[in-house]
Amino acid sequence: YMQMDSLKPDDTAVYYCAADTGVIL
């Protein structure tokens, strides 16, 4: 989940979820 509070007009976008194993820091 991603809880988004205090949203601003600059937050307007298409939001994508991405996943993978082995992603280093």
mmCIF file of all heavy atoms, coordinates in Angstrom:
data_MODEL
# 
_entry.id   MODEL 
# 
loop_
_atom_site.group_PDB 
_atom_site.id 
_atom_site.type_symbol 
_atom_site.label_atom_id 
_atom_site.label_alt_id 
_atom_site.label_comp_id 
_atom_site.label_asym_id 
_atom_site.label_entity_id 
_atom_site.label_seq_id 
_atom_site.pdbx_PDB_ins_code 
_atom_site.Cartn_x 
_atom_site.Cartn_y 
_atom_site.Cartn_z 
_atom_site.occupancy 
_atom_site.B_iso_or_equiv 
_atom_site.pdbx_formal_charge 
_atom_site.auth_seq_id 
_atom_site.auth_comp_id 
_atom_site.auth_asym_id 
_atom_site.auth_atom_id 
_atom_site.pdbx_PDB_model_num 
ATOM 1   N N   . TYR A 1 1  ? 0.829  -1.194  0.000   1.00 0.00 ? 1  TYR A N   1 
ATOM 2   C CA  . TYR A 1 1  ? 0.000  0.000   0.000   1.00 0.00 ? 1  TYR A CA  1 
ATOM 3   C C   . TYR A 1 1  ? 0.870  1.253   0.000   1.00 0.00 ? 1  TYR A C   1 
ATOM 4   O O   . TYR A 1 1  ? 2.003  1.231   0.476   1.00 0.00 ? 1  TYR A O   1 
ATOM 5   C CB  . TYR A 1 1  ? -0.887 0.027   1.248   1.00 0.00 ? 1  TYR A CB  1 
ATOM 6   C CG  . TYR A 1 1  ? -1.763 -1.179  1.410   1.00 0.00 ? 1  TYR A CG  1 
ATOM 7   C CD1 . TYR A 1 1  ? -1.391 -2.219  2.258   1.00 0.00 ? 1  TYR A CD1 1 
ATOM 8   C CD2 . TYR A 1 1  ? -2.965 -1.278  0.728   1.00 0.00 ? 1  TYR A CD2 1 
ATOM 9   C CE1 . TYR A 1 1  ? -2.204 -3.328  2.416   1.00 0.00 ? 1  TYR A CE1 1 
ATOM 10  C CE2 . TYR A 1 1  ? -3.782 -2.387  0.882   1.00 0.00 ? 1  TYR A CE2 1 
ATOM 11  C CZ  . TYR A 1 1  ? -3.392 -3.408  1.727   1.00 0.00 ? 1  TYR A CZ  1 
ATOM 12  O OH  . TYR A 1 1  ? -4.202 -4.508  1.872   1.00 0.00 ? 1  TYR A OH  1 
ATOM 13  N N   . MET A 1 2  ? 0.306  2.319   -0.503  1.00 0.00 ? 2  MET A N   1 
ATOM 14  C CA  . MET A 1 2  ? 0.933  3.621   -0.325  1.00 0.00 ? 2  MET A CA  1 
ATOM 15  C C   . MET A 1 2  ? -0.140 4.626   0.066   1.00 0.00 ? 2  MET A C   1 
ATOM 16  O O   . MET A 1 2  ? -1.014 4.957   -0.742  1.00 0.00 ? 2  MET A O   1 
ATOM 17  C CB  . MET A 1 2  ? 1.670  4.091   -1.572  1.00 0.00 ? 2  MET A CB  1 
ATOM 18  C CG  . MET A 1 2  ? 2.459  5.391   -1.312  1.00 0.00 ? 2  MET A CG  1 
ATOM 19  S SD  . MET A 1 2  ? 3.733  5.671   -2.520  1.00 0.00 ? 2  MET A SD  1 
ATOM 20  C CE  . MET A 1 2  ? 2.727  6.093   -3.942  1.00 0.00 ? 2  MET A CE  1 
ATOM 21  N N   . GLN A 1 3  ? -0.082 5.040   1.307   1.00 0.00 ? 3  GLN A N   1 
ATOM 22  C CA  . GLN A 1 3  ? -0.983 6.058   1.828   1.00 0.00 ? 3  GLN A CA  1 
ATOM 23  C C   . GLN A 1 3  ? -0.421 7.418   1.461   1.00 0.00 ? 3  GLN A C   1 
ATOM 24  O O   . GLN A 1 3  ? 0.737  7.716   1.779   1.00 0.00 ? 3  GLN A O   1 
ATOM 25  C CB  . GLN A 1 3  ? -1.112 5.936   3.341   1.00 0.00 ? 3  GLN A CB  1 
ATOM 26  C CG  . GLN A 1 3  ? -1.997 6.991   3.985   1.00 0.00 ? 3  GLN A CG  1 
ATOM 27  C CD  . GLN A 1 3  ? -3.451 6.858   3.578   1.00 0.00 ? 3  GLN A CD  1 
ATOM 28  O OE1 . GLN A 1 3  ? -3.967 5.760   3.441   1.00 0.00 ? 3  GLN A OE1 1 
ATOM 29  N NE2 . GLN A 1 3  ? -4.119 7.996   3.400   1.00 0.00 ? 3  GLN A NE2 1 
ATOM 30  N N   . MET A 1 4  ? -1.207 8.222   0.775   1.00 0.00 ? 4  MET A N   1 
ATOM 31  C CA  . MET A 1 4  ? -0.762 9.532   0.314   1.00 0.00 ? 4  MET A CA  1 
ATOM 32  C C   . MET A 1 4  ? -1.627 10.604  0.967   1.00 0.00 ? 4  MET A C   1 
ATOM 33  O O   . MET A 1 4  ? -2.833 10.680  0.713   1.00 0.00 ? 4  MET A O   1 
ATOM 34  C CB  . MET A 1 4  ? -0.861 9.627   -1.214  1.00 0.00 ? 4  MET A CB  1 
ATOM 35  C CG  . MET A 1 4  ? -0.112 8.513   -1.929  1.00 0.00 ? 4  MET A CG  1 
ATOM 36  S SD  . MET A 1 4  ? -0.042 8.733   -3.722  1.00 0.00 ? 4  MET A SD  1 
ATOM 37  C CE  . MET A 1 4  ? -1.771 8.671   -4.139  1.00 0.00 ? 4  MET A CE  1 
ATOM 38  N N   . ASP A 1 5  ? -1.016 11.408  1.805   1.00 0.00 ? 5  ASP A N   1 
ATOM 39  C CA  . ASP A 1 5  ? -1.707 12.484  2.513   1.00 0.00 ? 5  ASP A CA  1 
ATOM 40  C C   . ASP A 1 5  ? -1.171 13.840  2.071   1.00 0.00 ? 5  ASP A C   1 
ATOM 41  O O   . ASP A 1 5  ? -0.099 13.929  1.467   1.00 0.00 ? 5  ASP A O   1 
ATOM 42  C CB  . ASP A 1 5  ? -1.537 12.318  4.027   1.00 0.00 ? 5  ASP A CB  1 
ATOM 43  C CG  . ASP A 1 5  ? -2.143 11.033  4.555   1.00 0.00 ? 5  ASP A CG  1 
ATOM 44  O OD1 . ASP A 1 5  ? -3.204 10.623  4.050   1.00 0.00 ? 5  ASP A OD1 1 
ATOM 45  O OD2 . ASP A 1 5  ? -1.553 10.437  5.478   1.00 0.00 ? 5  ASP A OD2 1 
ATOM 46  N N   . SER A 1 6  ? -1.912 14.882  2.392   1.00 0.00 ? 6  SER A N   1 
ATOM 47  C CA  . SER A 1 6  ? -1.504 16.255  2.067   1.00 0.00 ? 6  SER A CA  1 
ATOM 48  C C   . SER A 1 6  ? -1.100 16.371  0.603   1.00 0.00 ? 6  SER A C   1 
ATOM 49  O O   . SER A 1 6  ? -0.056 16.938  0.267   1.00 0.00 ? 6  SER A O   1 
ATOM 50  C CB  . SER A 1 6  ? -0.344 16.685  2.976   1.00 0.00 ? 6  SER A CB  1 
ATOM 51  O OG  . SER A 1 6  ? -0.701 16.609  4.334   1.00 0.00 ? 6  SER A OG  1 
ATOM 52  N N   . LEU A 1 7  ? -1.919 15.834  -0.255  1.00 0.00 ? 7  LEU A N   1 
ATOM 53  C CA  . LEU A 1 7  ? -1.603 15.809  -1.682  1.00 0.00 ? 7  LEU A CA  1 
ATOM 54  C C   . LEU A 1 7  ? -1.554 17.215  -2.268  1.00 0.00 ? 7  LEU A C   1 
ATOM 55  O O   . LEU A 1 7  ? -2.314 18.106  -1.862  1.00 0.00 ? 7  LEU A O   1 
ATOM 56  C CB  . LEU A 1 7  ? -2.608 14.943  -2.423  1.00 0.00 ? 7  LEU A CB  1 
ATOM 57  C CG  . LEU A 1 7  ? -2.373 13.439  -2.259  1.00 0.00 ? 7  LEU A CG  1 
ATOM 58  C CD1 . LEU A 1 7  ? -3.619 12.648  -2.612  1.00 0.00 ? 7  LEU A CD1 1 
ATOM 59  C CD2 . LEU A 1 7  ? -1.197 12.993  -3.118  1.00 0.00 ? 7  LEU A CD2 1 
ATOM 60  N N   . LYS A 1 8  ? -0.653 17.366  -3.226  1.00 0.00 ? 8  LYS A N   1 
ATOM 61  C CA  . LYS A 1 8  ? -0.434 18.648  -3.894  1.00 0.00 ? 8  LYS A CA  1 
ATOM 62  C C   . LYS A 1 8  ? -0.663 18.469  -5.391  1.00 0.00 ? 8  LYS A C   1 
ATOM 63  O O   . LYS A 1 8  ? -0.523 17.356  -5.926  1.00 0.00 ? 8  LYS A O   1 
ATOM 64  C CB  . LYS A 1 8  ? 1.004  19.115  -3.669  1.00 0.00 ? 8  LYS A CB  1 
ATOM 65  C CG  . LYS A 1 8  ? 1.441  19.190  -2.227  1.00 0.00 ? 8  LYS A CG  1 
ATOM 66  C CD  . LYS A 1 8  ? 2.934  19.516  -2.139  1.00 0.00 ? 8  LYS A CD  1 
ATOM 67  C CE  . LYS A 1 8  ? 3.408  19.562  -0.705  1.00 0.00 ? 8  LYS A CE  1 
ATOM 68  N NZ  . LYS A 1 8  ? 4.863  19.865  -0.613  1.00 0.00 ? 8  LYS A NZ  1 
ATOM 69  N N   . PRO A 1 9  ? -0.951 19.556  -6.108  1.00 0.00 ? 9  PRO A N   1 
ATOM 70  C CA  . PRO A 1 9  ? -1.092 19.435  -7.567  1.00 0.00 ? 9  PRO A CA  1 
ATOM 71  C C   . PRO A 1 9  ? 0.130  18.816  -8.242  1.00 0.00 ? 9  PRO A C   1 
ATOM 72  O O   . PRO A 1 9  ? -0.010 18.105  -9.238  1.00 0.00 ? 9  PRO A O   1 
ATOM 73  C CB  . PRO A 1 9  ? -1.317 20.888  -7.998  1.00 0.00 ? 9  PRO A CB  1 
ATOM 74  C CG  . PRO A 1 9  ? -1.986 21.519  -6.824  1.00 0.00 ? 9  PRO A CG  1 
ATOM 75  C CD  . PRO A 1 9  ? -1.349 20.883  -5.617  1.00 0.00 ? 9  PRO A CD  1 
ATOM 76  N N   . ASP A 1 10 ? 1.317  19.063  -7.701  1.00 0.00 ? 10 ASP A N   1 
ATOM 77  C CA  . ASP A 1 10 ? 2.542  18.488  -8.269  1.00 0.00 ? 10 ASP A CA  1 
ATOM 78  C C   . ASP A 1 10 ? 2.610  16.977  -8.123  1.00 0.00 ? 10 ASP A C   1 
ATOM 79  O O   . ASP A 1 10 ? 3.468  16.336  -8.743  1.00 0.00 ? 10 ASP A O   1 
ATOM 80  C CB  . ASP A 1 10 ? 3.782  19.103  -7.605  1.00 0.00 ? 10 ASP A CB  1 
ATOM 81  C CG  . ASP A 1 10 ? 4.060  20.502  -8.109  1.00 0.00 ? 10 ASP A CG  1 
ATOM 82  O OD1 . ASP A 1 10 ? 3.424  20.912  -9.111  1.00 0.00 ? 10 ASP A OD1 1 
ATOM 83  O OD2 . ASP A 1 10 ? 4.911  21.183  -7.512  1.00 0.00 ? 10 ASP A OD2 1 
ATOM 84  N N   . ASP A 1 11 ? 1.727  16.382  -7.310  1.00 0.00 ? 11 ASP A N   1 
ATOM 85  C CA  . ASP A 1 11 ? 1.686  14.934  -7.180  1.00 0.00 ? 11 ASP A CA  1 
ATOM 86  C C   . ASP A 1 11 ? 0.895  14.280  -8.300  1.00 0.00 ? 11 ASP A C   1 
ATOM 87  O O   . ASP A 1 11 ? 0.841  13.049  -8.395  1.00 0.00 ? 11 ASP A O   1 
ATOM 88  C CB  . ASP A 1 11 ? 1.063  14.538  -5.833  1.00 0.00 ? 11 ASP A CB  1 
ATOM 89  C CG  . ASP A 1 11 ? 1.904  14.967  -4.648  1.00 0.00 ? 11 ASP A CG  1 
ATOM 90  O OD1 . ASP A 1 11 ? 3.141  14.811  -4.703  1.00 0.00 ? 11 ASP A OD1 1 
ATOM 91  O OD2 . ASP A 1 11 ? 1.319  15.465  -3.655  1.00 0.00 ? 11 ASP A OD2 1 
ATOM 92  N N   . THR A 1 12 ? 0.274  15.082  -9.152  1.00 0.00 ? 12 THR A N   1 
ATOM 93  C CA  . THR A 1 12 ? -0.497 14.551  -10.274 1.00 0.00 ? 12 THR A CA  1 
ATOM 94  C C   . THR A 1 12 ? 0.402  13.766  -11.214 1.00 0.00 ? 12 THR A C   1 
ATOM 95  O O   . THR A 1 12 ? 1.425  14.272  -11.688 1.00 0.00 ? 12 THR A O   1 
ATOM 96  C CB  . THR A 1 12 ? -1.181 15.695  -11.045 1.00 0.00 ? 12 THR A CB  1 
ATOM 97  O OG1 . THR A 1 12 ? -2.137 16.319  -10.182 1.00 0.00 ? 12 THR A OG1 1 
ATOM 98  C CG2 . THR A 1 12 ? -1.868 15.179  -12.297 1.00 0.00 ? 12 THR A CG2 1 
ATOM 99  N N   . ALA A 1 13 ? 0.049  12.516  -11.462 1.00 0.00 ? 13 ALA A N   1 
ATOM 100 C CA  . ALA A 1 13 ? 0.862  11.632  -12.301 1.00 0.00 ? 13 ALA A CA  1 
ATOM 101 C C   . ALA A 1 13 ? 0.166  10.286  -12.424 1.00 0.00 ? 13 ALA A C   1 
ATOM 102 O O   . ALA A 1 13 ? -0.810 10.013  -11.717 1.00 0.00 ? 13 ALA A O   1 
ATOM 103 C CB  . ALA A 1 13 ? 2.245  11.439  -11.676 1.00 0.00 ? 13 ALA A CB  1 
ATOM 104 N N   . VAL A 1 14 ? 0.683  9.459   -13.309 1.00 0.00 ? 14 VAL A N   1 
ATOM 105 C CA  . VAL A 1 14 ? 0.330  8.043   -13.307 1.00 0.00 ? 14 VAL A CA  1 
ATOM 106 C C   . VAL A 1 14 ? 1.310  7.348   -12.376 1.00 0.00 ? 14 VAL A C   1 
ATOM 107 O O   . VAL A 1 14 ? 2.524  7.504   -12.515 1.00 0.00 ? 14 VAL A O   1 
ATOM 108 C CB  . VAL A 1 14 ? 0.405  7.433   -14.715 1.00 0.00 ? 14 VAL A CB  1 
ATOM 109 C CG1 . VAL A 1 14 ? 0.074  5.943   -14.656 1.00 0.00 ? 14 VAL A CG1 1 
ATOM 110 C CG2 . VAL A 1 14 ? -0.556 8.147   -15.664 1.00 0.00 ? 14 VAL A CG2 1 
ATOM 111 N N   . TYR A 1 15 ? 0.782  6.621   -11.423 1.00 0.00 ? 15 TYR A N   1 
ATOM 112 C CA  . TYR A 1 15 ? 1.608  5.931   -10.434 1.00 0.00 ? 15 TYR A CA  1 
ATOM 113 C C   . TYR A 1 15 ? 1.718  4.460   -10.804 1.00 0.00 ? 15 TYR A C   1 
ATOM 114 O O   . TYR A 1 15 ? 0.713  3.789   -11.061 1.00 0.00 ? 15 TYR A O   1 
ATOM 115 C CB  . TYR A 1 15 ? 0.997  6.088   -9.039  1.00 0.00 ? 15 TYR A CB  1 
ATOM 116 C CG  . TYR A 1 15 ? 1.242  7.449   -8.456  1.00 0.00 ? 15 TYR A CG  1 
ATOM 117 C CD1 . TYR A 1 15 ? 0.609  8.581   -8.974  1.00 0.00 ? 15 TYR A CD1 1 
ATOM 118 C CD2 . TYR A 1 15 ? 2.137  7.638   -7.405  1.00 0.00 ? 15 TYR A CD2 1 
ATOM 119 C CE1 . TYR A 1 15 ? 0.855  9.846   -8.461  1.00 0.00 ? 15 TYR A CE1 1 
ATOM 120 C CE2 . TYR A 1 15 ? 2.377  8.897   -6.874  1.00 0.00 ? 15 TYR A CE2 1 
ATOM 121 C CZ  . TYR A 1 15 ? 1.744  9.992   -7.414  1.00 0.00 ? 15 TYR A CZ  1 
ATOM 122 O OH  . TYR A 1 15 ? 1.994  11.252  -6.897  1.00 0.00 ? 15 TYR A OH  1 
ATOM 123 N N   . TYR A 1 16 ? 2.949  3.975   -10.817 1.00 0.00 ? 16 TYR A N   1 
ATOM 124 C CA  . TYR A 1 16 ? 3.244  2.603   -11.184 1.00 0.00 ? 16 TYR A CA  1 
ATOM 125 C C   . TYR A 1 16 ? 3.861  1.853   -10.005 1.00 0.00 ? 16 TYR A C   1 
ATOM 126 O O   . TYR A 1 16 ? 4.738  2.381   -9.317  1.00 0.00 ? 16 TYR A O   1 
ATOM 127 C CB  . TYR A 1 16 ? 4.228  2.554   -12.345 1.00 0.00 ? 16 TYR A CB  1 
ATOM 128 C CG  . TYR A 1 16 ? 3.699  3.112   -13.648 1.00 0.00 ? 16 TYR A CG  1 
ATOM 129 C CD1 . TYR A 1 16 ? 3.882  4.454   -13.965 1.00 0.00 ? 16 TYR A CD1 1 
ATOM 130 C CD2 . TYR A 1 16 ? 3.027  2.295   -14.552 1.00 0.00 ? 16 TYR A CD2 1 
ATOM 131 C CE1 . TYR A 1 16 ? 3.404  4.976   -15.156 1.00 0.00 ? 16 TYR A CE1 1 
ATOM 132 C CE2 . TYR A 1 16 ? 2.550  2.808   -15.749 1.00 0.00 ? 16 TYR A CE2 1 
ATOM 133 C CZ  . TYR A 1 16 ? 2.744  4.147   -16.041 1.00 0.00 ? 16 TYR A CZ  1 
ATOM 134 O OH  . TYR A 1 16 ? 2.271  4.650   -17.226 1.00 0.00 ? 16 TYR A OH  1 
ATOM 135 N N   . CYS A 1 17 ? 3.428  0.619   -9.852  1.00 0.00 ? 17 CYS A N   1 
ATOM 136 C CA  . CYS A 1 17 ? 4.044  -0.295  -8.907  1.00 0.00 ? 17 CYS A CA  1 
ATOM 137 C C   . CYS A 1 17 ? 5.080  -1.126  -9.664  1.00 0.00 ? 17 CYS A C   1 
ATOM 138 O O   . CYS A 1 17 ? 4.818  -1.556  -10.804 1.00 0.00 ? 17 CYS A O   1 
ATOM 139 C CB  . CYS A 1 17 ? 2.963  -1.191  -8.312  1.00 0.00 ? 17 CYS A CB  1 
ATOM 140 S SG  . CYS A 1 17 ? 3.549  -2.474  -7.227  1.00 0.00 ? 17 CYS A SG  1 
ATOM 141 N N   . ALA A 1 18 ? 6.232  -1.332  -9.062  1.00 0.00 ? 18 ALA A N   1 
ATOM 142 C CA  . ALA A 1 18 ? 7.292  -2.120  -9.670  1.00 0.00 ? 18 ALA A CA  1 
ATOM 143 C C   . ALA A 1 18 ? 7.884  -3.054  -8.624  1.00 0.00 ? 18 ALA A C   1 
ATOM 144 O O   . ALA A 1 18 ? 7.935  -2.709  -7.437  1.00 0.00 ? 18 ALA A O   1 
ATOM 145 C CB  . ALA A 1 18 ? 8.371  -1.211  -10.238 1.00 0.00 ? 18 ALA A CB  1 
ATOM 146 N N   . ALA A 1 19 ? 8.354  -4.201  -9.076  1.00 0.00 ? 19 ALA A N   1 
ATOM 147 C CA  . ALA A 1 19 ? 8.911  -5.173  -8.139  1.00 0.00 ? 19 ALA A CA  1 
ATOM 148 C C   . ALA A 1 19 ? 10.033 -5.954  -8.795  1.00 0.00 ? 19 ALA A C   1 
ATOM 149 O O   . ALA A 1 19 ? 10.024 -6.182  -10.009 1.00 0.00 ? 19 ALA A O   1 
ATOM 150 C CB  . ALA A 1 19 ? 7.822  -6.127  -7.646  1.00 0.00 ? 19 ALA A CB  1 
ATOM 151 N N   . ASP A 1 20 ? 10.960 -6.389  -7.979  1.00 0.00 ? 20 ASP A N   1 
ATOM 152 C CA  . ASP A 1 20 ? 12.016 -7.261  -8.457  1.00 0.00 ? 20 ASP A CA  1 
ATOM 153 C C   . ASP A 1 20 ? 12.758 -7.819  -7.260  1.00 0.00 ? 20 ASP A C   1 
ATOM 154 O O   . ASP A 1 20 ? 12.724 -7.255  -6.160  1.00 0.00 ? 20 ASP A O   1 
ATOM 155 C CB  . ASP A 1 20 ? 12.992 -6.526  -9.383  1.00 0.00 ? 20 ASP A CB  1 
ATOM 156 C CG  . ASP A 1 20 ? 13.457 -7.431  -10.511 1.00 0.00 ? 20 ASP A CG  1 
ATOM 157 O OD1 . ASP A 1 20 ? 13.741 -8.620  -10.224 1.00 0.00 ? 20 ASP A OD1 1 
ATOM 158 O OD2 . ASP A 1 20 ? 13.538 -6.967  -11.654 1.00 0.00 ? 20 ASP A OD2 1 
ATOM 159 N N   . THR A 1 21 ? 13.447 -8.927  -7.479  1.00 0.00 ? 21 THR A N   1 
ATOM 160 C CA  . THR A 1 21 ? 14.347 -9.470  -6.472  1.00 0.00 ? 21 THR A CA  1 
ATOM 161 C C   . THR A 1 21 ? 15.755 -8.972  -6.763  1.00 0.00 ? 21 THR A C   1 
ATOM 162 O O   . THR A 1 21 ? 16.051 -8.547  -7.888  1.00 0.00 ? 21 THR A O   1 
ATOM 163 C CB  . THR A 1 21 ? 14.336 -11.004 -6.516  1.00 0.00 ? 21 THR A CB  1 
ATOM 164 O OG1 . THR A 1 21 ? 14.723 -11.422 -7.835  1.00 0.00 ? 21 THR A OG1 1 
ATOM 165 C CG2 . THR A 1 21 ? 12.947 -11.558 -6.230  1.00 0.00 ? 21 THR A CG2 1 
ATOM 166 N N   . GLY A 1 22 ? 16.590 -8.997  -5.784  1.00 0.00 ? 22 GLY A N   1 
ATOM 167 C CA  . GLY A 1 22 ? 17.987 -8.661  -5.990  1.00 0.00 ? 22 GLY A CA  1 
ATOM 168 C C   . GLY A 1 22 ? 18.269 -7.202  -6.266  1.00 0.00 ? 22 GLY A C   1 
ATOM 169 O O   . GLY A 1 22 ? 19.341 -6.867  -6.795  1.00 0.00 ? 22 GLY A O   1 
ATOM 170 N N   . VAL A 1 23 ? 17.346 -6.316  -5.913  1.00 0.00 ? 23 VAL A N   1 
ATOM 171 C CA  . VAL A 1 23 ? 17.601 -4.886  -6.100  1.00 0.00 ? 23 VAL A CA  1 
ATOM 172 C C   . VAL A 1 23 ? 18.444 -4.408  -4.922  1.00 0.00 ? 23 VAL A C   1 
ATOM 173 O O   . VAL A 1 23 ? 17.993 -4.420  -3.781  1.00 0.00 ? 23 VAL A O   1 
ATOM 174 C CB  . VAL A 1 23 ? 16.285 -4.086  -6.172  1.00 0.00 ? 23 VAL A CB  1 
ATOM 175 C CG1 . VAL A 1 23 ? 16.585 -2.603  -6.391  1.00 0.00 ? 23 VAL A CG1 1 
ATOM 176 C CG2 . VAL A 1 23 ? 15.395 -4.622  -7.284  1.00 0.00 ? 23 VAL A CG2 1 
ATOM 177 N N   . ILE A 1 24 ? 19.657 -3.983  -5.220  1.00 0.00 ? 24 ILE A N   1 
ATOM 178 C CA  . ILE A 1 24 ? 20.527 -3.545  -4.132  1.00 0.00 ? 24 ILE A CA  1 
ATOM 179 C C   . ILE A 1 24 ? 20.129 -2.146  -3.687  1.00 0.00 ? 24 ILE A C   1 
ATOM 180 O O   . ILE A 1 24 ? 19.479 -1.393  -4.428  1.00 0.00 ? 24 ILE A O   1 
ATOM 181 C CB  . ILE A 1 24 ? 22.017 -3.606  -4.534  1.00 0.00 ? 24 ILE A CB  1 
ATOM 182 C CG1 . ILE A 1 24 ? 22.305 -2.652  -5.706  1.00 0.00 ? 24 ILE A CG1 1 
ATOM 183 C CG2 . ILE A 1 24 ? 22.408 -5.027  -4.897  1.00 0.00 ? 24 ILE A CG2 1 
ATOM 184 C CD1 . ILE A 1 24 ? 23.781 -2.575  -6.071  1.00 0.00 ? 24 ILE A CD1 1 
ATOM 185 N N   . LEU A 1 25 ? 20.554 -1.802  -2.494  1.00 0.00 ? 25 LEU A N   1 
ATOM 186 C CA  . LEU A 1 25 ? 20.124 -0.557  -1.873  1.00 0.00 ? 25 LEU A CA  1 
ATOM 187 C C   . LEU A 1 25 ? 20.436 0.658   -2.737  1.00 0.00 ? 25 LEU A C   1 
ATOM 188 O O   . LEU A 1 25 ? 19.620 1.561   -2.887  1.00 0.00 ? 25 LEU A O   1 
ATOM 189 C CB  . LEU A 1 25 ? 20.769 -0.428  -0.495  1.00 0.00 ? 25 LEU A CB  1 
ATOM 190 C CG  . LEU A 1 25 ? 20.367 0.785   0.339   1.00 0.00 ? 25 LEU A CG  1 
ATOM 191 C CD1 . LEU A 1 25 ? 18.869 0.814   0.551   1.00 0.00 ? 25 LEU A CD1 1 
ATOM 192 C CD2 . LEU A 1 25 ? 21.098 0.754   1.681   1.00 0.00 ? 25 LEU A CD2 1 
# 
